[in-house]
Amino acid sequence: MLWSKLNALHVDLRNQPCMLIGDFNIIRRCNEKIEGAGFKFNAMEDFSNCIDDLDIDNLPAQGIFLIWCNLREDGVHMYCKLDRIMVNESWLQTFSQVESEFLTP
């Protein structure tokens, strides 16, 4: 599983600037989703624990918070925060002036 592989890498990268970017296909908190099916609490907890274990957090950002939308034709749209740019403290200290910006897709 991705989370255990990331945790294994953390041992080698602990004291170096580290950035993790991607669409993780899971939300971390309930406020990161509007509409759609219920929450996958076990998956959310696994993802959140991985982030905590890696000691990373979202890079300060501007722009759209809930950037992903399912665009269903029946008009029932679900919005989520799936795209993330996460960094560790060493990265923030090295690149302290950097922010991310999420644009309209």
PDB file of N, CA and C in Angstrom:
ATOM      1  N   MET A   1       0.835  -1.183   0.000  1.00  0.00           N
ATOM      2  CA  MET A   1       0.000   0.000   0.000  1.00  0.00           C
ATOM      3  C   MET A   1       0.879   1.245   0.000  1.00  0.00           C
ATOM      4  N   LEU A   2       0.375   2.296  -0.611  1.00  0.00           N
ATOM      5  CA  LEU A   2       1.140   3.533  -0.753  1.00  0.00           C
ATOM      6  C   LEU A   2       1.582   4.100   0.586  1.00  0.00           C
ATOM      7  N   TRP A   3       0.692   4.081   1.574  1.00  0.00           N
ATOM      8  CA  TRP A   3       1.026   4.709   2.850  1.00  0.00           C
ATOM      9  C   TRP A   3       2.229   4.031   3.508  1.00  0.00           C
ATOM     10  N   SER A   4       2.294   2.714   3.484  1.00  0.00           N
ATOM     11  CA  SER A   4       3.427   2.020   4.106  1.00  0.00           C
ATOM     12  C   SER A   4       4.716   2.256   3.321  1.00  0.00           C
ATOM     13  N   LYS A   5       4.619   2.368   1.992  1.00  0.00           N
ATOM     14  CA  LYS A   5       5.816   2.664   1.194  1.00  0.00           C
ATOM     15  C   LYS A   5       6.332   4.068   1.485  1.00  0.00           C
ATOM     16  N   LEU A   6       5.423   5.017   1.646  1.00  0.00           N
ATOM     17  CA  LEU A   6       5.838   6.376   2.000  1.00  0.00           C
ATOM     18  C   LEU A   6       6.483   6.408   3.376  1.00  0.00           C
ATOM     19  N   ASN A   7       5.919   5.678   4.316  1.00  0.00           N
ATOM     20  CA  ASN A   7       6.508   5.617   5.655  1.00  0.00           C
ATOM     21  C   ASN A   7       7.902   5.009   5.624  1.00  0.00           C
ATOM     22  N   ALA A   8       8.128   4.021   4.766  1.00  0.00           N
ATOM     23  CA  ALA A   8       9.457   3.416   4.636  1.00  0.00           C
ATOM     24  C   ALA A   8      10.458   4.432   4.087  1.00  0.00           C
ATOM     25  N   LEU A   9      10.038   5.255   3.134  1.00  0.00           N
ATOM     26  CA  LEU A   9      10.914   6.296   2.587  1.00  0.00           C
ATOM     27  C   LEU A   9      11.245   7.362   3.624  1.00  0.00           C
ATOM     28  N   HIS A  10      10.321   7.603   4.520  1.00  0.00           N
ATOM     29  CA  HIS A  10      10.493   8.652   5.527  1.00  0.00           C
ATOM     30  C   HIS A  10      11.756   8.444   6.358  1.00  0.00           C
ATOM     31  N   VAL A  11      12.098   7.222   6.632  1.00  0.00           N
ATOM     32  CA  VAL A  11      13.298   6.923   7.422  1.00  0.00           C
ATOM     33  C   VAL A  11      14.536   7.496   6.742  1.00  0.00           C
ATOM     34  N   ASP A  12      14.616   7.369   5.416  1.00  0.00           N
ATOM     35  CA  ASP A  12      15.778   7.858   4.675  1.00  0.00           C
ATOM     36  C   ASP A  12      15.743   9.366   4.436  1.00  0.00           C
ATOM     37  N   LEU A  13      14.565   9.954   4.407  1.00  0.00           N
ATOM     38  CA  LEU A  13      14.428  11.367   4.038  1.00  0.00           C
ATOM     39  C   LEU A  13      14.104  12.278   5.213  1.00  0.00           C
ATOM     40  N   ARG A  14      14.109  11.755   6.391  1.00  0.00           N
ATOM     41  CA  ARG A  14      13.640  12.479   7.572  1.00  0.00           C
ATOM     42  C   ARG A  14      14.251  13.869   7.726  1.00  0.00           C
ATOM     43  N   ASN A  15      15.548  14.013   7.519  1.00  0.00           N
ATOM     44  CA  ASN A  15      16.222  15.291   7.766  1.00  0.00           C
ATOM     45  C   ASN A  15      16.509  16.082   6.500  1.00  0.00           C
ATOM     46  N   GLN A  16      15.894  15.697   5.401  1.00  0.00           N
ATOM     47  CA  GLN A  16      16.105  16.399   4.138  1.00  0.00           C
ATOM     48  C   GLN A  16      14.806  17.056   3.694  1.00  0.00           C
ATOM     49  N   PRO A  17      14.913  18.161   2.940  1.00  0.00           N
ATOM     50  CA  PRO A  17      13.692  18.769   2.406  1.00  0.00           C
ATOM     51  C   PRO A  17      12.932  17.753   1.561  1.00  0.00           C
ATOM     52  N   CYS A  18      11.650  17.632   1.824  1.00  0.00           N
ATOM     53  CA  CYS A  18      10.840  16.628   1.137  1.00  0.00           C
ATOM     54  C   CYS A  18       9.494  17.233   0.736  1.00  0.00           C
ATOM     55  N   MET A  19       9.094  16.994  -0.519  1.00  0.00           N
ATOM     56  CA  MET A  19       7.811  17.467  -1.031  1.00  0.00           C
ATOM     57  C   MET A  19       7.071  16.288  -1.643  1.00  0.00           C
ATOM     58  N   LEU A  20       5.791  16.222  -1.381  1.00  0.00           N
ATOM     59  CA  LEU A  20       4.936  15.166  -1.908  1.00  0.00           C
ATOM     60  C   LEU A  20       3.776  15.842  -2.635  1.00  0.00           C
ATOM     61  N   ILE A  21       3.641  15.575  -3.931  1.00  0.00           N
ATOM     62  CA  ILE A  21       2.626  16.222  -4.760  1.00  0.00           C
ATOM     63  C   ILE A  21       1.777  15.157  -5.430  1.00  0.00           C
ATOM     64  N   GLY A  22       0.473  15.385  -5.468  1.00  0.00           N
ATOM     65  CA  GLY A  22      -0.346  14.454  -6.229  1.00  0.00           C
ATOM     66  C   GLY A  22      -1.825  14.516  -5.923  1.00  0.00           C
ATOM     67  N   ASP A  23      -2.555  13.693  -6.647  1.00  0.00           N
ATOM     68  CA  ASP A  23      -3.973  13.450  -6.419  1.00  0.00           C
ATOM     69  C   ASP A  23      -4.033  12.163  -5.607  1.00  0.00           C
ATOM     70  N   PHE A  24      -4.341  12.268  -4.335  1.00  0.00           N
ATOM     71  CA  PHE A  24      -4.275  11.124  -3.433  1.00  0.00           C
ATOM     72  C   PHE A  24      -5.578  10.334  -3.367  1.00  0.00           C
ATOM     73  N   ASN A  25      -6.601  10.805  -4.057  1.00  0.00           N
ATOM     74  CA  ASN A  25      -7.873  10.088  -4.190  1.00  0.00           C
ATOM     75  C   ASN A  25      -8.530   9.767  -2.850  1.00  0.00           C
ATOM     76  N   ILE A  26      -8.219  10.555  -1.835  1.00  0.00           N
ATOM     77  CA  ILE A  26      -8.847  10.403  -0.517  1.00  0.00           C
ATOM     78  C   ILE A  26      -8.793  11.758   0.174  1.00  0.00           C
ATOM     79  N   ILE A  27      -9.822  12.056   0.936  1.00  0.00           N
ATOM     80  CA  ILE A  27      -9.804  13.283   1.723  1.00  0.00           C
ATOM     81  C   ILE A  27      -9.251  12.968   3.104  1.00  0.00           C
ATOM     82  N   ARG A  28      -8.796  14.010   3.784  1.00  0.00           N
ATOM     83  CA  ARG A  28      -8.256  13.818   5.132  1.00  0.00           C
ATOM     84  C   ARG A  28      -9.298  14.158   6.203  1.00  0.00           C
ATOM     85  N   ARG A  29     -10.097  15.182   5.933  1.00  0.00           N
ATOM     86  CA  ARG A  29     -11.091  15.652   6.904  1.00  0.00           C
ATOM     87  C   ARG A  29     -12.449  15.810   6.228  1.00  0.00           C
ATOM     88  N   CYS A  30     -13.494  15.773   7.013  1.00  0.00           N
ATOM     89  CA  CYS A  30     -14.860  15.864   6.474  1.00  0.00           C
ATOM     90  C   CYS A  30     -15.121  17.180   5.748  1.00  0.00           C
ATOM     91  N   ASN A  31     -14.453  18.273   6.147  1.00  0.00           N
ATOM     92  CA  ASN A  31     -14.680  19.561   5.479  1.00  0.00           C
ATOM     93  C   ASN A  31     -14.013  19.634   4.108  1.00  0.00           C
ATOM     94  N   GLU A  32     -13.363  18.559   3.675  1.00  0.00           N
ATOM     95  CA  GLU A  32     -12.719  18.526   2.363  1.00  0.00           C
ATOM     96  C   GLU A  32     -13.616  17.883   1.303  1.00  0.00           C
ATOM     97  N   LYS A  33     -14.906  17.773   1.604  1.00  0.00           N
ATOM     98  CA  LYS A  33     -15.830  17.150   0.655  1.00  0.00           C
ATOM     99  C   LYS A  33     -17.216  17.765   0.800  1.00  0.00           C
ATOM    100  N   ILE A  34     -17.853  18.026  -0.342  1.00  0.00           N
ATOM    101  CA  ILE A  34     -19.233  18.504  -0.374  1.00  0.00           C
ATOM    102  C   ILE A  34     -20.021  17.574  -1.278  1.00  0.00           C
ATOM    103  N   GLU A  35     -21.144  17.089  -0.771  1.00  0.00           N
ATOM    104  CA  GLU A  35     -22.064  16.207  -1.503  1.00  0.00           C
ATOM    105  C   GLU A  35     -21.459  14.822  -1.726  1.00  0.00           C
ATOM    106  N   GLY A  36     -22.147  14.017  -2.520  1.00  0.00           N
ATOM    107  CA  GLY A  36     -21.664  12.686  -2.866  1.00  0.00           C
ATOM    108  C   GLY A  36     -21.923  11.655  -1.788  1.00  0.00           C
ATOM    109  N   ALA A  37     -21.354  10.485  -1.982  1.00  0.00           N
ATOM    110  CA  ALA A  37     -21.525   9.362  -1.056  1.00  0.00           C
ATOM    111  C   ALA A  37     -20.901   9.688   0.296  1.00  0.00           C
ATOM    112  N   GLY A  38     -21.174   8.831   1.267  1.00  0.00           N
ATOM    113  CA  GLY A  38     -20.663   9.033   2.613  1.00  0.00           C
ATOM    114  C   GLY A  38     -19.141   9.025   2.679  1.00  0.00           C
ATOM    115  N   PHE A  39     -18.652   9.273   3.858  1.00  0.00           N
ATOM    116  CA  PHE A  39     -17.217   9.340   4.080  1.00  0.00           C
ATOM    117  C   PHE A  39     -16.639   7.944   4.291  1.00  0.00           C
ATOM    118  N   LYS A  40     -15.425   7.742   3.827  1.00  0.00           N
ATOM    119  CA  LYS A  40     -14.696   6.488   4.045  1.00  0.00           C
ATOM    120  C   LYS A  40     -13.759   6.712   5.229  1.00  0.00           C
ATOM    121  N   PHE A  41     -14.334   6.605   6.429  1.00  0.00           N
ATOM    122  CA  PHE A  41     -13.602   7.000   7.627  1.00  0.00           C
ATOM    123  C   PHE A  41     -12.325   6.196   7.852  1.00  0.00           C
ATOM    124  N   ASN A  42     -12.322   4.902   7.574  1.00  0.00           N
ATOM    125  CA  ASN A  42     -11.104   4.103   7.762  1.00  0.00           C
ATOM    126  C   ASN A  42     -10.002   4.566   6.822  1.00  0.00           C
ATOM    127  N   ALA A  43     -10.344   4.816   5.567  1.00  0.00           N
ATOM    128  CA  ALA A  43      -9.355   5.293   4.597  1.00  0.00           C
ATOM    129  C   ALA A  43      -8.868   6.689   4.967  1.00  0.00           C
ATOM    130  N   MET A  44      -9.789   7.541   5.427  1.00  0.00           N
ATOM    131  CA  MET A  44      -9.403   8.885   5.856  1.00  0.00           C
ATOM    132  C   MET A  44      -8.427   8.814   7.025  1.00  0.00           C
ATOM    133  N   GLU A  45      -8.703   7.938   7.970  1.00  0.00           N
ATOM    134  CA  GLU A  45      -7.829   7.787   9.132  1.00  0.00           C
ATOM    135  C   GLU A  45      -6.451   7.265   8.718  1.00  0.00           C
ATOM    136  N   ASP A  46      -6.401   6.295   7.818  1.00  0.00           N
ATOM    137  CA  ASP A  46      -5.118   5.775   7.328  1.00  0.00           C
ATOM    138  C   ASP A  46      -4.305   6.878   6.659  1.00  0.00           C
ATOM    139  N   PHE A  47      -4.959   7.676   5.816  1.00  0.00           N
ATOM    140  CA  PHE A  47      -4.284   8.771   5.122  1.00  0.00           C
ATOM    141  C   PHE A  47      -3.790   9.815   6.122  1.00  0.00           C
ATOM    142  N   SER A  48      -4.635  10.190   7.052  1.00  0.00           N
ATOM    143  CA  SER A  48      -4.263  11.176   8.059  1.00  0.00           C
ATOM    144  C   SER A  48      -3.106  10.681   8.928  1.00  0.00           C
ATOM    145  N   ASN A  49      -3.146   9.421   9.316  1.00  0.00           N
ATOM    146  CA  ASN A  49      -2.046   8.851  10.109  1.00  0.00           C
ATOM    147  C   ASN A  49      -0.740   8.858   9.328  1.00  0.00           C
ATOM    148  N   CYS A  50      -0.805   8.558   8.039  1.00  0.00           N
ATOM    149  CA  CYS A  50       0.390   8.578   7.198  1.00  0.00           C
ATOM    150  C   CYS A  50       0.987   9.983   7.154  1.00  0.00           C
ATOM    151  N   ILE A  51       0.143  10.988   6.953  1.00  0.00           N
ATOM    152  CA  ILE A  51       0.616  12.376   6.918  1.00  0.00           C
ATOM    153  C   ILE A  51       1.259  12.742   8.249  1.00  0.00           C
ATOM    154  N   ASP A  52       0.617  12.357   9.343  1.00  0.00           N
ATOM    155  CA  ASP A  52       1.184  12.634  10.668  1.00  0.00           C
ATOM    156  C   ASP A  52       2.508  11.904  10.869  1.00  0.00           C
ATOM    157  N   ASP A  53       2.574  10.634  10.464  1.00  0.00           N
ATOM    158  CA  ASP A  53       3.803   9.851  10.613  1.00  0.00           C
ATOM    159  C   ASP A  53       4.949  10.438   9.799  1.00  0.00           C
ATOM    160  N   LEU A  54       4.634  10.948   8.608  1.00  0.00           N
ATOM    161  CA  LEU A  54       5.654  11.550   7.751  1.00  0.00           C
ATOM    162  C   LEU A  54       6.047  12.942   8.219  1.00  0.00           C
ATOM    163  N   ASP A  55       5.284  13.488   9.139  1.00  0.00           N
ATOM    164  CA  ASP A  55       5.510  14.839   9.658  1.00  0.00           C
ATOM    165  C   ASP A  55       5.533  15.864   8.519  1.00  0.00           C
ATOM    166  N   ILE A  56       4.519  15.774   7.652  1.00  0.00           N
ATOM    167  CA  ILE A  56       4.361  16.717   6.552  1.00  0.00           C
ATOM    168  C   ILE A  56       3.009  17.403   6.695  1.00  0.00           C
ATOM    169  N   ASP A  57       2.863  18.514   5.991  1.00  0.00           N
ATOM    170  CA  ASP A  57       1.592  19.228   5.995  1.00  0.00           C
ATOM    171  C   ASP A  57       1.444  19.943   4.665  1.00  0.00           C
ATOM    172  N   ASN A  58       0.240  20.429   4.402  1.00  0.00           N
ATOM    173  CA  ASN A  58      -0.009  21.140   3.153  1.00  0.00           C
ATOM    174  C   ASN A  58       0.850  22.390   3.063  1.00  0.00           C
ATOM    175  N   LEU A  59       1.430  22.606   1.907  1.00  0.00           N
ATOM    176  CA  LEU A  59       2.147  23.842   1.627  1.00  0.00           C
ATOM    177  C   LEU A  59       1.125  24.968   1.652  1.00  0.00           C
ATOM    178  N   PRO A  60       1.464  26.123   2.239  1.00  0.00           N
ATOM    179  CA  PRO A  60       0.515  27.238   2.192  1.00  0.00           C
ATOM    180  C   PRO A  60       0.047  27.472   0.758  1.00  0.00           C
ATOM    181  N   ALA A  61      -1.268  27.684   0.607  1.00  0.00           N
ATOM    182  CA  ALA A  61      -1.839  27.741  -0.739  1.00  0.00           C
ATOM    183  C   ALA A  61      -2.862  28.858  -0.870  1.00  0.00           C
ATOM    184  N   GLN A  62      -3.052  29.248  -2.121  1.00  0.00           N
ATOM    185  CA  GLN A  62      -4.099  30.185  -2.501  1.00  0.00           C
ATOM    186  C   GLN A  62      -4.948  29.508  -3.563  1.00  0.00           C
ATOM    187  N   GLY A  63      -6.104  30.082  -3.812  1.00  0.00           N
ATOM    188  CA  GLY A  63      -6.935  29.572  -4.892  1.00  0.00           C
ATOM    189  C   GLY A  63      -8.054  28.687  -4.404  1.00  0.00           C
ATOM    190  N   ILE A  64      -8.468  27.778  -5.255  1.00  0.00           N
ATOM    191  CA  ILE A  64      -9.625  26.935  -5.003  1.00  0.00           C
ATOM    192  C   ILE A  64      -9.267  25.814  -4.028  1.00  0.00           C
ATOM    193  N   PHE A  65     -10.083  25.659  -2.985  1.00  0.00           N
ATOM    194  CA  PHE A  65      -9.820  24.632  -1.974  1.00  0.00           C
ATOM    195  C   PHE A  65     -10.306  23.259  -2.439  1.00  0.00           C
ATOM    196  N   LEU A  66     -11.545  23.181  -2.905  1.00  0.00           N
ATOM    197  CA  LEU A  66     -12.123  21.909  -3.358  1.00  0.00           C
ATOM    198  C   LEU A  66     -12.019  21.849  -4.875  1.00  0.00           C
ATOM    199  N   ILE A  67     -10.881  21.433  -5.377  1.00  0.00           N
ATOM    200  CA  ILE A  67     -10.568  21.562  -6.799  1.00  0.00           C
ATOM    201  C   ILE A  67     -11.129  20.435  -7.666  1.00  0.00           C
ATOM    202  N   TRP A  68     -11.424  19.273  -7.086  1.00  0.00           N
ATOM    203  CA  TRP A  68     -11.910  18.148  -7.889  1.00  0.00           C
ATOM    204  C   TRP A  68     -13.433  18.126  -7.873  1.00  0.00           C
ATOM    205  N   CYS A  69     -14.043  17.877  -9.043  1.00  0.00           N
ATOM    206  CA  CYS A  69     -15.495  17.753  -9.158  1.00  0.00           C
ATOM    207  C   CYS A  69     -15.810  16.563 -10.054  1.00  0.00           C
ATOM    208  N   ASN A  70     -16.840  15.795  -9.702  1.00  0.00           N
ATOM    209  CA  ASN A  70     -17.181  14.609 -10.482  1.00  0.00           C
ATOM    210  C   ASN A  70     -17.922  14.928 -11.783  1.00  0.00           C
ATOM    211  N   LEU A  71     -18.471  16.142 -11.932  1.00  0.00           N
ATOM    212  CA  LEU A  71     -19.147  16.598 -13.160  1.00  0.00           C
ATOM    213  C   LEU A  71     -20.228  15.642 -13.652  1.00  0.00           C
ATOM    214  N   ARG A  72     -21.010  15.114 -12.753  1.00  0.00           N
ATOM    215  CA  ARG A  72     -22.097  14.211 -13.149  1.00  0.00           C
ATOM    216  C   ARG A  72     -23.136  14.950 -13.978  1.00  0.00           C
ATOM    217  N   GLU A  73     -23.670  14.279 -14.949  1.00  0.00           N
ATOM    218  CA  GLU A  73     -24.649  14.884 -15.848  1.00  0.00           C
ATOM    219  C   GLU A  73     -26.001  15.112 -15.185  1.00  0.00           C
ATOM    220  N   ASP A  74     -26.293  14.393 -14.103  1.00  0.00           N
ATOM    221  CA  ASP A  74     -27.588  14.572 -13.445  1.00  0.00           C
ATOM    222  C   ASP A  74     -27.621  15.800 -12.540  1.00  0.00           C
ATOM    223  N   GLY A  75     -26.526  16.547 -12.505  1.00  0.00           N
ATOM    224  CA  GLY A  75     -26.475  17.778 -11.725  1.00  0.00           C
ATOM    225  C   GLY A  75     -26.094  17.601 -10.275  1.00  0.00           C
ATOM    226  N   VAL A  76     -25.900  16.376  -9.817  1.00  0.00           N
ATOM    227  CA  VAL A  76     -25.484  16.130  -8.435  1.00  0.00           C
ATOM    228  C   VAL A  76     -23.960  16.112  -8.411  1.00  0.00           C
ATOM    229  N   HIS A  77     -23.393  17.259  -8.155  1.00  0.00           N
ATOM    230  CA  HIS A  77     -21.936  17.390  -8.189  1.00  0.00           C
ATOM    231  C   HIS A  77     -21.335  17.162  -6.803  1.00  0.00           C
ATOM    232  N   MET A  78     -20.210  16.501  -6.781  1.00  0.00           N
ATOM    233  CA  MET A  78     -19.447  16.278  -5.569  1.00  0.00           C
ATOM    234  C   MET A  78     -18.123  17.021  -5.740  1.00  0.00           C
ATOM    235  N   TYR A  79     -17.742  17.770  -4.719  1.00  0.00           N
ATOM    236  CA  TYR A  79     -16.491  18.521  -4.739  1.00  0.00           C
ATOM    237  C   TYR A  79     -15.602  18.012  -3.615  1.00  0.00           C
ATOM    238  N   CYS A  80     -14.312  17.825  -3.924  1.00  0.00           N
ATOM    239  CA  CYS A  80     -13.372  17.295  -2.929  1.00  0.00           C
ATOM    240  C   CYS A  80     -12.004  17.948  -3.069  1.00  0.00           C
ATOM    241  N   LYS A  81     -11.250  17.881  -1.981  1.00  0.00           N
ATOM    242  CA  LYS A  81      -9.837  18.256  -2.008  1.00  0.00           C
ATOM    243  C   LYS A  81      -9.035  16.964  -2.123  1.00  0.00           C
ATOM    244  N   LEU A  82      -8.624  16.637  -3.340  1.00  0.00           N
ATOM    245  CA  LEU A  82      -7.821  15.435  -3.577  1.00  0.00           C
ATOM    246  C   LEU A  82      -6.386  15.787  -3.951  1.00  0.00           C
ATOM    247  N   ASP A  83      -6.212  16.928  -4.619  1.00  0.00           N
ATOM    248  CA  ASP A  83      -4.880  17.366  -5.046  1.00  0.00           C
ATOM    249  C   ASP A  83      -4.191  18.063  -3.883  1.00  0.00           C
ATOM    250  N   ARG A  84      -2.959  17.653  -3.640  1.00  0.00           N
ATOM    251  CA  ARG A  84      -2.221  18.205  -2.504  1.00  0.00           C
ATOM    252  C   ARG A  84      -0.761  18.437  -2.867  1.00  0.00           C
ATOM    253  N   ILE A  85      -0.211  19.433  -2.214  1.00  0.00           N
ATOM    254  CA  ILE A  85       1.229  19.663  -2.208  1.00  0.00           C
ATOM    255  C   ILE A  85       1.606  19.710  -0.734  1.00  0.00           C
ATOM    256  N   MET A  86       2.322  18.691  -0.285  1.00  0.00           N
ATOM    257  CA  MET A  86       2.677  18.586   1.128  1.00  0.00           C
ATOM    258  C   MET A  86       4.195  18.598   1.275  1.00  0.00           C
ATOM    259  N   VAL A  87       4.653  19.242   2.336  1.00  0.00           N
ATOM    260  CA  VAL A  87       6.091  19.383   2.569  1.00  0.00           C
ATOM    261  C   VAL A  87       6.402  19.139   4.047  1.00  0.00           C
ATOM    262  N   ASN A  88       7.676  18.853   4.306  1.00  0.00           N
ATOM    263  CA  ASN A  88       8.100  18.702   5.695  1.00  0.00           C
ATOM    264  C   ASN A  88       8.705  20.018   6.194  1.00  0.00           C
ATOM    265  N   GLU A  89       9.041  20.056   7.465  1.00  0.00           N
ATOM    266  CA  GLU A  89       9.571  21.276   8.085  1.00  0.00           C
ATOM    267  C   GLU A  89      10.893  21.698   7.452  1.00  0.00           C
ATOM    268  N   SER A  90      11.744  20.744   7.121  1.00  0.00           N
ATOM    269  CA  SER A  90      13.021  21.056   6.477  1.00  0.00           C
ATOM    270  C   SER A  90      12.798  21.761   5.142  1.00  0.00           C
ATOM    271  N   TRP A  91      11.797  21.324   4.392  1.00  0.00           N
ATOM    272  CA  TRP A  91      11.473  21.964   3.109  1.00  0.00           C
ATOM    273  C   TRP A  91      11.008  23.398   3.349  1.00  0.00           C
ATOM    274  N   LEU A  92      10.137  23.593   4.342  1.00  0.00           N
ATOM    275  CA  LEU A  92       9.629  24.938   4.645  1.00  0.00           C
ATOM    276  C   LEU A  92      10.748  25.881   5.070  1.00  0.00           C
ATOM    277  N   GLN A  93      11.709  25.380   5.829  1.00  0.00           N
ATOM    278  CA  GLN A  93      12.826  26.222   6.254  1.00  0.00           C
ATOM    279  C   GLN A  93      13.724  26.586   5.079  1.00  0.00           C
ATOM    280  N   THR A  94      13.908  25.667   4.153  1.00  0.00           N
ATOM    281  CA  THR A  94      14.769  25.903   2.992  1.00  0.00           C
ATOM    282  C   THR A  94      14.102  26.815   1.969  1.00  0.00           C
ATOM    283  N   PHE A  95      12.804  26.659   1.781  1.00  0.00           N
ATOM    284  CA  PHE A  95      12.059  27.410   0.761  1.00  0.00           C
ATOM    285  C   PHE A  95      10.912  28.171   1.422  1.00  0.00           C
ATOM    286  N   SER A  96      11.233  29.034   2.357  1.00  0.00           N
ATOM    287  CA  SER A  96      10.222  29.662   3.211  1.00  0.00           C
ATOM    288  C   SER A  96       9.264  30.600   2.481  1.00  0.00           C
ATOM    289  N   GLN A  97       9.633  31.114   1.332  1.00  0.00           N
ATOM    290  CA  GLN A  97       8.784  32.078   0.622  1.00  0.00           C
ATOM    291  C   GLN A  97       7.847  31.435  -0.404  1.00  0.00           C
ATOM    292  N   VAL A  98       7.889  30.124  -0.555  1.00  0.00           N
ATOM    293  CA  VAL A  98       7.126  29.448  -1.608  1.00  0.00           C
ATOM    294  C   VAL A  98       5.702  29.146  -1.140  1.00  0.00           C
ATOM    295  N   GLU A  99       4.746  29.397  -2.021  1.00  0.00           N
ATOM    296  CA  GLU A  99       3.347  29.027  -1.815  1.00  0.00           C
ATOM    297  C   GLU A  99       2.857  28.307  -3.055  1.00  0.00           C
ATOM    298  N   SER A 100       1.764  27.584  -2.916  1.00  0.00           N
ATOM    299  CA  SER A 100       1.142  26.957  -4.084  1.00  0.00           C
ATOM    300  C   SER A 100      -0.134  27.721  -4.420  1.00  0.00           C
ATOM    301  N   GLU A 101      -0.577  27.557  -5.656  1.00  0.00           N
ATOM    302  CA  GLU A 101      -1.831  28.172  -6.079  1.00  0.00           C
ATOM    303  C   GLU A 101      -2.623  27.150  -6.878  1.00  0.00           C
ATOM    304  N   PHE A 102      -3.839  26.884  -6.434  1.00  0.00           N
ATOM    305  CA  PHE A 102      -4.722  25.950  -7.122  1.00  0.00           C
ATOM    306  C   PHE A 102      -5.674  26.748  -8.000  1.00  0.00           C
ATOM    307  N   LEU A 103      -5.581  26.527  -9.301  1.00  0.00           N
ATOM    308  CA  LEU A 103      -6.382  27.259 -10.271  1.00  0.00           C
ATOM    309  C   LEU A 103      -7.638  26.481 -10.638  1.00  0.00           C
ATOM    310  N   THR A 104      -8.575  27.157 -11.253  1.00  0.00           N
ATOM    311  CA  THR A 104      -9.787  26.503 -11.744  1.00  0.00           C
ATOM    312  C   THR A 104      -9.410  25.497 -12.816  1.00  0.00           C
ATOM    313  N   PRO A 105      -9.904  24.249 -12.699  1.00  0.00           N
ATOM    314  CA  PRO A 105      -9.554  23.244 -13.713  1.00  0.00           C
ATOM    315  C   PRO A 105     -10.125  23.589 -15.081  1.00  0.00           C
TER     316      PRO A 105
END
